[in-house]
């Protein structure tokens, strides 16, 4: 959601080292999030670090 409105999602294909993906999955499981949610949040924070 952006500014309280739904935005269209599109799929992207990225390549990650297997070990890194395992770490992503461990964090996602620990935080009870999906892999996609975790990666989206990480990208949001990287792109706009002053947000929140």
PDB file of N, CA and C in Angstrom:
ATOM      1  N   UNK A   1       0.834  -1.178   0.000  1.00  0.00           N
ATOM      2  CA  UNK A   1       0.000   0.000   0.000  1.00  0.00           C
ATOM      3  C   UNK A   1       0.875   1.235   0.000  1.00  0.00           C
ATOM      4  N   UNK A   2       0.457   2.204  -0.733  1.00  0.00           N
ATOM      5  CA  UNK A   2       1.185   3.447  -0.787  1.00  0.00           C
ATOM      6  C   UNK A   2       0.201   4.582  -0.555  1.00  0.00           C
ATOM      7  N   UNK A   3       0.434   5.386   0.450  1.00  0.00           N
ATOM      8  CA  UNK A   3      -0.473   6.479   0.796  1.00  0.00           C
ATOM      9  C   UNK A   3      -1.900   5.998   1.002  1.00  0.00           C
ATOM     10  N   UNK A   4      -2.065   4.792   1.575  1.00  0.00           N
ATOM     11  CA  UNK A   4      -3.394   4.283   1.881  1.00  0.00           C
ATOM     12  C   UNK A   4      -4.138   3.706   0.694  1.00  0.00           C
ATOM     13  N   UNK A   5      -3.520   3.626  -0.470  1.00  0.00           N
ATOM     14  CA  UNK A   5      -4.190   3.055  -1.635  1.00  0.00           C
ATOM     15  C   UNK A   5      -3.452   1.806  -2.089  1.00  0.00           C
ATOM     16  N   UNK A   6      -4.179   0.892  -2.670  1.00  0.00           N
ATOM     17  CA  UNK A   6      -3.565  -0.331  -3.168  1.00  0.00           C
ATOM     18  C   UNK A   6      -2.801  -0.028  -4.455  1.00  0.00           C
ATOM     19  N   UNK A   7      -1.630  -0.606  -4.589  1.00  0.00           N
ATOM     20  CA  UNK A   7      -0.856  -0.450  -5.811  1.00  0.00           C
ATOM     21  C   UNK A   7      -0.739  -1.806  -6.478  1.00  0.00           C
ATOM     22  N   UNK A   8      -0.612  -1.797  -7.782  1.00  0.00           N
ATOM     23  CA  UNK A   8      -0.496  -3.038  -8.533  1.00  0.00           C
ATOM     24  C   UNK A   8       0.881  -3.655  -8.285  1.00  0.00           C
ATOM     25  N   UNK A   9       0.901  -4.942  -8.031  1.00  0.00           N
ATOM     26  CA  UNK A   9       2.162  -5.648  -7.838  1.00  0.00           C
ATOM     27  C   UNK A   9       2.543  -6.359  -9.130  1.00  0.00           C
ATOM     28  N   UNK A  10       3.821  -6.385  -9.406  1.00  0.00           N
ATOM     29  CA  UNK A  10       4.335  -7.129 -10.548  1.00  0.00           C
ATOM     30  C   UNK A  10       5.412  -8.079 -10.040  1.00  0.00           C
ATOM     31  N   UNK A  11       5.571  -9.173 -10.709  1.00  0.00           N
ATOM     32  CA  UNK A  11       6.592 -10.152 -10.326  1.00  0.00           C
ATOM     33  C   UNK A  11       7.906  -9.797 -10.995  1.00  0.00           C
ATOM     34  N   UNK A  12       8.981 -10.012 -10.255  1.00  0.00           N
ATOM     35  CA  UNK A  12      10.328  -9.836 -10.797  1.00  0.00           C
ATOM     36  C   UNK A  12      11.134 -11.088 -10.475  1.00  0.00           C
ATOM     37  N   UNK A  13      12.074 -11.367 -11.298  1.00  0.00           N
ATOM     38  CA  UNK A  13      12.938 -12.524 -11.094  1.00  0.00           C
ATOM     39  C   UNK A  13      14.335 -12.011 -10.773  1.00  0.00           C
ATOM     40  N   UNK A  14      14.865 -12.432  -9.623  1.00  0.00           N
ATOM     41  CA  UNK A  14      16.224 -12.045  -9.254  1.00  0.00           C
ATOM     42  C   UNK A  14      17.005 -13.306  -8.897  1.00  0.00           C
ATOM     43  N   UNK A  15      18.292 -13.221  -9.046  1.00  0.00           N
ATOM     44  CA  UNK A  15      19.174 -14.329  -8.676  1.00  0.00           C
ATOM     45  C   UNK A  15      19.921 -13.950  -7.409  1.00  0.00           C
ATOM     46  N   UNK A  16      19.897 -14.844  -6.440  1.00  0.00           N
ATOM     47  CA  UNK A  16      20.601 -14.641  -5.180  1.00  0.00           C
ATOM     48  C   UNK A  16      21.451 -15.865  -4.886  1.00  0.00           C
ATOM     49  N   UNK A  17      22.578 -15.678  -4.242  1.00  0.00           N
ATOM     50  CA  UNK A  17      23.347 -16.844  -3.813  1.00  0.00           C
ATOM     51  C   UNK A  17      22.488 -17.689  -2.866  1.00  0.00           C
ATOM     52  N   UNK A  18      22.596 -18.995  -2.996  1.00  0.00           N
ATOM     53  CA  UNK A  18      21.772 -19.909  -2.209  1.00  0.00           C
ATOM     54  C   UNK A  18      21.894 -19.650  -0.709  1.00  0.00           C
ATOM     55  N   UNK A  19      23.100 -19.426  -0.241  1.00  0.00           N
ATOM     56  CA  UNK A  19      23.322 -19.188   1.188  1.00  0.00           C
ATOM     57  C   UNK A  19      22.595 -17.920   1.653  1.00  0.00           C
ATOM     58  N   UNK A  20      22.628 -16.881   0.826  1.00  0.00           N
ATOM     59  CA  UNK A  20      21.953 -15.635   1.166  1.00  0.00           C
ATOM     60  C   UNK A  20      20.439 -15.847   1.236  1.00  0.00           C
ATOM     61  N   UNK A  21      19.898 -16.596   0.305  1.00  0.00           N
ATOM     62  CA  UNK A  21      18.465 -16.871   0.311  1.00  0.00           C
ATOM     63  C   UNK A  21      18.072 -17.666   1.556  1.00  0.00           C
ATOM     64  N   UNK A  22      18.924 -18.559   1.979  1.00  0.00           N
ATOM     65  CA  UNK A  22      18.663 -19.298   3.219  1.00  0.00           C
ATOM     66  C   UNK A  22      18.581 -18.343   4.408  1.00  0.00           C
ATOM     67  N   UNK A  23      19.474 -17.354   4.430  1.00  0.00           N
ATOM     68  CA  UNK A  23      19.441 -16.360   5.511  1.00  0.00           C
ATOM     69  C   UNK A  23      18.163 -15.531   5.447  1.00  0.00           C
ATOM     70  N   UNK A  24      17.762 -15.132   4.246  1.00  0.00           N
ATOM     71  CA  UNK A  24      16.516 -14.379   4.060  1.00  0.00           C
ATOM     72  C   UNK A  24      15.342 -15.191   4.596  1.00  0.00           C
ATOM     73  N   UNK A  25      15.295 -16.455   4.232  1.00  0.00           N
ATOM     74  CA  UNK A  25      14.195 -17.317   4.680  1.00  0.00           C
ATOM     75  C   UNK A  25      14.189 -17.498   6.197  1.00  0.00           C
ATOM     76  N   UNK A  26      15.365 -17.576   6.800  1.00  0.00           N
ATOM     77  CA  UNK A  26      15.437 -17.706   8.263  1.00  0.00           C
ATOM     78  C   UNK A  26      14.878 -16.462   8.948  1.00  0.00           C
ATOM     79  N   UNK A  27      15.242 -15.295   8.450  1.00  0.00           N
ATOM     80  CA  UNK A  27      14.734 -14.050   9.035  1.00  0.00           C
ATOM     81  C   UNK A  27      13.229 -13.951   8.818  1.00  0.00           C
ATOM     82  N   UNK A  28      12.775 -14.279   7.617  1.00  0.00           N
ATOM     83  CA  UNK A  28      11.341 -14.217   7.318  1.00  0.00           C
ATOM     84  C   UNK A  28      10.559 -15.133   8.254  1.00  0.00           C
ATOM     85  N   UNK A  29      11.061 -16.330   8.473  1.00  0.00           N
ATOM     86  CA  UNK A  29      10.379 -17.268   9.370  1.00  0.00           C
ATOM     87  C   UNK A  29      10.367 -16.732  10.803  1.00  0.00           C
ATOM     88  N   UNK A  30      11.502 -16.216  11.244  1.00  0.00           N
ATOM     89  CA  UNK A  30      11.608 -15.673  12.603  1.00  0.00           C
ATOM     90  C   UNK A  30      10.622 -14.523  12.817  1.00  0.00           C
ATOM     91  N   UNK A  31      10.454 -13.681  11.784  1.00  0.00           N
ATOM     92  CA  UNK A  31       9.564 -12.523  11.879  1.00  0.00           C
ATOM     93  C   UNK A  31       8.143 -12.832  11.423  1.00  0.00           C
ATOM     94  N   UNK A  32       7.896 -14.088  11.096  1.00  0.00           N
ATOM     95  CA  UNK A  32       6.583 -14.540  10.628  1.00  0.00           C
ATOM     96  C   UNK A  32       6.081 -13.690   9.465  1.00  0.00           C
ATOM     97  N   UNK A  33       6.949 -13.523   8.473  1.00  0.00           N
ATOM     98  CA  UNK A  33       6.639 -12.782   7.256  1.00  0.00           C
ATOM     99  C   UNK A  33       6.909 -13.685   6.063  1.00  0.00           C
ATOM    100  N   UNK A  34       6.378 -13.307   4.946  1.00  0.00           N
ATOM    101  CA  UNK A  34       6.734 -14.033   3.729  1.00  0.00           C
ATOM    102  C   UNK A  34       8.086 -13.511   3.237  1.00  0.00           C
ATOM    103  N   UNK A  35       8.707 -14.266   2.403  1.00  0.00           N
ATOM    104  CA  UNK A  35       9.970 -13.854   1.792  1.00  0.00           C
ATOM    105  C   UNK A  35       9.754 -12.532   1.039  1.00  0.00           C
ATOM    106  N   UNK A  36       8.660 -12.446   0.303  1.00  0.00           N
ATOM    107  CA  UNK A  36       8.371 -11.231  -0.465  1.00  0.00           C
ATOM    108  C   UNK A  36       8.209 -10.014   0.435  1.00  0.00           C
ATOM    109  N   UNK A  37       7.484 -10.179   1.536  1.00  0.00           N
ATOM    110  CA  UNK A  37       7.296  -9.059   2.471  1.00  0.00           C
ATOM    111  C   UNK A  37       8.640  -8.563   2.995  1.00  0.00           C
ATOM    112  N   UNK A  38       9.495  -9.492   3.370  1.00  0.00           N
ATOM    113  CA  UNK A  38      10.796  -9.134   3.924  1.00  0.00           C
ATOM    114  C   UNK A  38      11.644  -8.388   2.892  1.00  0.00           C
ATOM    115  N   UNK A  39      11.681  -8.885   1.683  1.00  0.00           N
ATOM    116  CA  UNK A  39      12.483  -8.252   0.632  1.00  0.00           C
ATOM    117  C   UNK A  39      11.914  -6.887   0.268  1.00  0.00           C
ATOM    118  N   UNK A  40      10.574  -6.769   0.194  1.00  0.00           N
ATOM    119  CA  UNK A  40       9.955  -5.464  -0.090  1.00  0.00           C
ATOM    120  C   UNK A  40      10.341  -4.437   0.972  1.00  0.00           C
ATOM    121  N   UNK A  41      10.260  -4.829   2.237  1.00  0.00           N
ATOM    122  CA  UNK A  41      10.592  -3.904   3.324  1.00  0.00           C
ATOM    123  C   UNK A  41      12.067  -3.516   3.279  1.00  0.00           C
ATOM    124  N   UNK A  42      12.932  -4.465   3.013  1.00  0.00           N
ATOM    125  CA  UNK A  42      14.360  -4.168   2.920  1.00  0.00           C
ATOM    126  C   UNK A  42      14.623  -3.172   1.790  1.00  0.00           C
ATOM    127  N   UNK A  43      13.970  -3.357   0.657  1.00  0.00           N
ATOM    128  CA  UNK A  43      14.150  -2.431  -0.463  1.00  0.00           C
ATOM    129  C   UNK A  43      13.585  -1.053  -0.143  1.00  0.00           C
ATOM    130  N   UNK A  44      12.422  -1.007   0.525  1.00  0.00           N
ATOM    131  CA  UNK A  44      11.856   0.287   0.931  1.00  0.00           C
ATOM    132  C   UNK A  44      12.847   1.053   1.801  1.00  0.00           C
ATOM    133  N   UNK A  45      13.427   0.369   2.765  1.00  0.00           N
ATOM    134  CA  UNK A  45      14.360   1.015   3.680  1.00  0.00           C
ATOM    135  C   UNK A  45      15.655   1.428   2.965  1.00  0.00           C
ATOM    136  N   UNK A  46      16.069   0.661   1.995  1.00  0.00           N
ATOM    137  CA  UNK A  46      17.284   0.994   1.235  1.00  0.00           C
ATOM    138  C   UNK A  46      17.046   2.209   0.343  1.00  0.00           C
ATOM    139  N   UNK A  47      15.888   2.240  -0.306  1.00  0.00           N
ATOM    140  CA  UNK A  47      15.571   3.325  -1.229  1.00  0.00           C
ATOM    141  C   UNK A  47      15.271   4.616  -0.492  1.00  0.00           C
ATOM    142  N   UNK A  48      14.574   4.515   0.621  1.00  0.00           N
ATOM    143  CA  UNK A  48      14.164   5.699   1.374  1.00  0.00           C
ATOM    144  C   UNK A  48      14.486   5.508   2.856  1.00  0.00           C
ATOM    145  N   UNK A  49      15.752   5.618   3.238  1.00  0.00           N
ATOM    146  CA  UNK A  49      16.148   5.317   4.621  1.00  0.00           C
ATOM    147  C   UNK A  49      15.575   6.280   5.666  1.00  0.00           C
ATOM    148  N   UNK A  50      15.109   7.451   5.271  1.00  0.00           N
ATOM    149  CA  UNK A  50      14.577   8.408   6.250  1.00  0.00           C
ATOM    150  C   UNK A  50      13.101   8.166   6.546  1.00  0.00           C
ATOM    151  N   UNK A  51      12.460   7.287   5.805  1.00  0.00           N
ATOM    152  CA  UNK A  51      11.043   6.991   6.003  1.00  0.00           C
ATOM    153  C   UNK A  51      10.866   6.273   7.338  1.00  0.00           C
ATOM    154  N   UNK A  52       9.939   6.715   8.136  1.00  0.00           N
ATOM    155  CA  UNK A  52       9.601   6.191   9.473  1.00  0.00           C
ATOM    156  C   UNK A  52      10.722   6.347  10.386  1.00  0.00           C
TER     157      UNK A  52
END
